[in-house]
């Protein structure tokens, strides 16, 4: 893997992004960064941005994009992210991707690869319903997939146009998906 390579994982909920990102982060000795992890870390450390985020969450409100973007910027600036990182669940929209591109340019990251885990909706539905979480009903899962497709279709096109997108068939065994990801990263 090249120096300061960033990996961006895209894919619908239940595609296996978190599992694969954790495995590859260990394999390459780089941090697996999810926006949820960033938020929890900043709040736990009581950073100024973490305190701002906490104030929104205490009121039951969503943390605004601008604050999430600042948290991502802060996290990618930490020493362990110097030789690479895996972003999971960010960016979710084209404006976030544009912000990330500018940020990476400022921080002199040499390249990034966008890995899109492709899994058919019916397989996702089956996977998420088997997880047995209370909020994972067929209706809510289908709605989450719909929202994901609406928000992410333009993002997939954005990265495809820039020659950074790699499609990975996520409808295989976890081991086969890991090997396919390693091959795409090694290109």
Protein backbone atom coordinates (compact mmCIF):
# COMPACT_ATOMS: atom_id res chain seq x y z
CA UNK A 1 0.00 0.00 0.00
CA UNK A 2 1.37 3.44 -0.95
CA UNK A 3 2.35 5.98 1.70
CA UNK A 4 -0.48 8.04 3.18
CA UNK A 5 -3.18 6.08 1.39
CA UNK A 6 -6.69 6.62 2.54
CA UNK A 7 -9.43 4.11 1.97
CA UNK A 8 -13.05 5.16 1.83
CA UNK A 9 -15.62 2.39 2.29
CA UNK A 10 -19.03 2.88 0.70
CA UNK A 11 -21.91 0.45 0.79
CA UNK A 12 -25.40 0.09 2.17
CA UNK A 13 -26.10 -0.70 5.83
CA UNK A 14 -25.40 -4.41 6.35
CA UNK A 15 -22.91 -4.69 3.47
CA UNK A 16 -20.11 -5.57 5.88
CA UNK A 17 -18.18 -2.28 5.78
CA UNK A 18 -17.45 -2.24 9.51
CA UNK A 19 -16.30 -5.85 9.61
CA UNK A 20 -14.06 -5.48 6.57
CA UNK A 21 -12.69 -2.11 7.69
CA UNK A 22 -11.70 -3.59 11.07
CA UNK A 23 -9.94 -6.55 9.43
CA UNK A 24 -8.05 -4.40 6.94
CA UNK A 25 -7.13 -1.77 9.55
CA UNK A 26 -5.40 -4.52 11.54
CA UNK A 27 -3.80 -6.00 8.42
CA UNK A 28 -2.35 -2.64 7.26
CA UNK A 29 -1.82 -1.22 10.79
CA UNK A 30 -3.85 1.91 10.05
CA UNK A 31 -6.84 3.32 11.95
CA UNK A 32 -10.42 2.36 11.07
CA UNK A 33 -12.32 5.61 11.44
CA UNK A 34 -16.09 5.78 11.57
CA UNK A 35 -17.98 8.99 12.22
CA UNK A 36 -19.62 7.31 15.23
CA UNK A 37 -16.19 6.44 16.64
CA UNK A 38 -14.95 9.99 16.02
CA UNK A 39 -17.95 11.44 17.83
CA UNK A 40 -17.66 9.10 20.80
CA UNK A 41 -13.90 9.71 21.05
CA UNK A 42 -14.20 13.51 20.92
CA UNK A 43 -16.98 13.45 23.53
CA UNK A 44 -15.04 11.08 25.81
CA UNK A 45 -11.92 13.25 25.53
CA UNK A 46 -14.03 16.39 26.09
CA UNK A 47 -12.36 18.18 23.16
CA UNK A 48 -13.96 21.54 22.28
CA UNK A 49 -15.60 19.92 19.23
CA UNK A 50 -16.69 16.96 21.36
CA UNK A 51 -18.34 19.32 23.84
CA UNK A 52 -20.18 21.07 21.00
CA UNK A 53 -21.36 17.71 19.63
CA UNK A 54 -22.49 16.64 23.12
CA UNK A 55 -24.66 19.76 23.44
CA UNK A 56 -26.59 18.79 20.28
CA UNK A 57 -26.92 15.16 21.35
CA UNK A 58 -28.11 16.15 24.84
CA UNK A 59 -30.99 18.00 23.17
CA UNK A 60 -31.74 14.93 21.02
CA UNK A 61 -30.66 16.75 17.87
CA UNK A 62 -28.47 15.51 15.03
CA UNK A 63 -24.90 16.76 15.09
CA UNK A 64 -24.68 19.21 12.14
CA UNK A 65 -22.56 18.40 9.08
CA UNK A 66 -20.19 21.31 9.72
CA UNK A 67 -19.29 19.88 13.10
CA UNK A 68 -18.90 16.33 11.74
CA UNK A 69 -16.59 17.72 9.04
CA UNK A 70 -14.46 19.48 11.67
CA UNK A 71 -14.28 16.27 13.72
CA UNK A 72 -13.14 14.31 10.66
CA UNK A 73 -10.52 16.98 9.96
CA UNK A 74 -9.29 16.78 13.57
CA UNK A 75 -9.18 12.94 13.47
CA UNK A 76 -7.30 12.71 10.15
CA UNK A 77 -4.72 15.14 11.55
CA UNK A 78 -3.77 12.77 14.38
CA UNK A 79 -0.38 11.01 14.17
CA UNK A 80 -1.75 7.46 13.75
CA UNK A 81 -3.51 8.53 10.54
CA UNK A 82 -0.25 9.75 9.00
CA UNK A 83 0.47 6.63 6.96
CA UNK A 84 -3.12 5.85 6.03
CA UNK A 85 -6.64 5.30 7.30
CA UNK A 86 -9.97 3.70 6.50
CA UNK A 87 -13.06 5.91 6.56
CA UNK A 88 -16.29 4.00 7.11
CA UNK A 89 -19.60 5.81 6.72
CA UNK A 90 -18.05 9.09 5.58
CA UNK A 91 -18.53 10.86 3.26
CA UNK A 92 -22.24 10.21 2.79
CA UNK A 93 -22.98 13.07 0.40
CA UNK A 94 -21.22 14.85 -2.49
CA UNK A 95 -20.71 18.08 -0.44
CA UNK A 96 -18.96 15.97 2.24
CA UNK A 97 -16.80 14.33 -0.47
CA UNK A 98 -15.82 17.75 -1.84
CA UNK A 99 -14.88 18.88 1.68
CA UNK A 100 -12.85 15.69 2.18
CA UNK A 101 -11.01 16.19 -1.14
CA UNK A 102 -9.99 19.73 -0.09
CA UNK A 103 -8.96 18.50 3.35
CA UNK A 104 -6.82 15.69 1.94
CA UNK A 105 -5.15 18.14 -0.43
CA UNK A 106 -4.36 20.47 2.52
CA UNK A 107 -2.95 17.56 4.54
CA UNK A 108 -0.86 16.29 1.58
CA UNK A 109 -2.44 12.84 1.47
CA UNK A 110 -1.17 11.40 -1.78
CA UNK A 111 -4.16 9.30 -2.80
CA UNK A 112 -7.26 7.57 -1.72
CA UNK A 113 -9.26 4.65 -3.00
CA UNK A 114 -13.00 4.38 -2.76
CA UNK A 115 -14.21 0.82 -2.26
CA UNK A 116 -17.91 0.26 -2.82
CA UNK A 117 -19.26 -2.96 -1.32
CA UNK A 118 -22.06 -4.04 -3.63
CA UNK A 119 -24.68 -6.28 -2.04
CA UNK A 120 -28.21 -6.87 -3.40
CA UNK A 121 -31.02 -5.36 -1.31
CA UNK A 122 -32.62 -8.75 -0.62
CA UNK A 123 -29.34 -10.07 0.84
CA UNK A 124 -28.96 -6.94 2.98
CA UNK A 125 -32.53 -7.32 4.20
CA UNK A 126 -31.87 -10.93 5.18
CA UNK A 127 -28.58 -10.03 6.93
CA UNK A 128 -30.05 -7.15 8.92
CA UNK A 129 -33.16 -9.04 9.96
CA UNK A 130 -30.96 -11.91 11.18
CA UNK A 131 -29.04 -9.48 13.40
CA UNK A 132 -32.17 -9.30 15.49
CA UNK A 133 -31.97 -5.64 16.49
CA UNK A 134 -35.28 -4.14 17.61
CA UNK A 135 -35.07 -1.28 15.08
CA UNK A 136 -34.33 -3.69 12.21
CA UNK A 137 -37.82 -4.44 10.88
CA UNK A 138 -38.32 -5.15 7.19
CA UNK A 139 -39.97 -1.74 6.75
CA UNK A 140 -37.19 0.22 8.50
CA UNK A 141 -34.44 -1.69 6.68
CA UNK A 142 -36.09 -1.04 3.29
CA UNK A 143 -36.43 2.66 4.18
CA UNK A 144 -32.76 2.87 5.24
CA UNK A 145 -31.73 1.26 1.95
CA UNK A 146 -33.90 3.73 0.03
CA UNK A 147 -32.33 6.71 1.86
CA UNK A 148 -28.86 5.24 1.34
CA UNK A 149 -29.44 4.85 -2.41
CA UNK A 150 -30.83 8.41 -2.72
CA UNK A 151 -27.89 9.95 -0.86
CA UNK A 152 -25.12 7.74 -2.16
CA UNK A 153 -25.91 7.30 -5.87
CA UNK A 154 -24.49 10.79 -6.63
CA UNK A 155 -21.46 10.01 -4.42
CA UNK A 156 -20.71 6.83 -6.37
CA UNK A 157 -20.86 8.83 -9.60
CA UNK A 158 -18.65 11.56 -8.07
CA UNK A 159 -15.87 9.07 -7.30
CA UNK A 160 -16.35 7.13 -10.55
CA UNK A 161 -15.85 10.37 -12.51
CA UNK A 162 -12.57 10.90 -10.65
CA UNK A 163 -11.33 7.37 -11.40
CA UNK A 164 -11.17 6.43 -7.70
CA UNK A 165 -14.09 4.00 -7.44
CA UNK A 166 -13.63 0.24 -7.15
CA UNK A 167 -16.72 -1.98 -7.00
CA UNK A 168 -16.38 -5.03 -4.77
CA UNK A 169 -18.92 -7.86 -4.84
CA UNK A 170 -19.91 -8.01 -1.17
CA UNK A 171 -22.28 -10.94 -1.69
CA UNK A 172 -19.61 -13.56 -0.92
CA UNK A 173 -18.01 -15.04 2.17
CA UNK A 174 -16.29 -12.48 4.42
CA UNK A 175 -12.92 -14.07 3.55
CA UNK A 176 -13.52 -13.72 -0.20
CA UNK A 177 -14.57 -10.09 0.25
CA UNK A 178 -11.41 -9.38 2.29
CA UNK A 179 -9.23 -10.87 -0.47
CA UNK A 180 -11.06 -8.85 -3.16
CA UNK A 181 -10.54 -5.67 -1.13
CA UNK A 182 -6.81 -6.39 -0.69
CA UNK A 183 -6.51 -6.91 -4.47
CA UNK A 184 -8.25 -3.57 -5.17
CA UNK A 185 -6.02 -1.79 -2.65
CA UNK A 186 -2.85 -3.28 -4.19
CA UNK A 187 -3.68 -1.95 -7.70
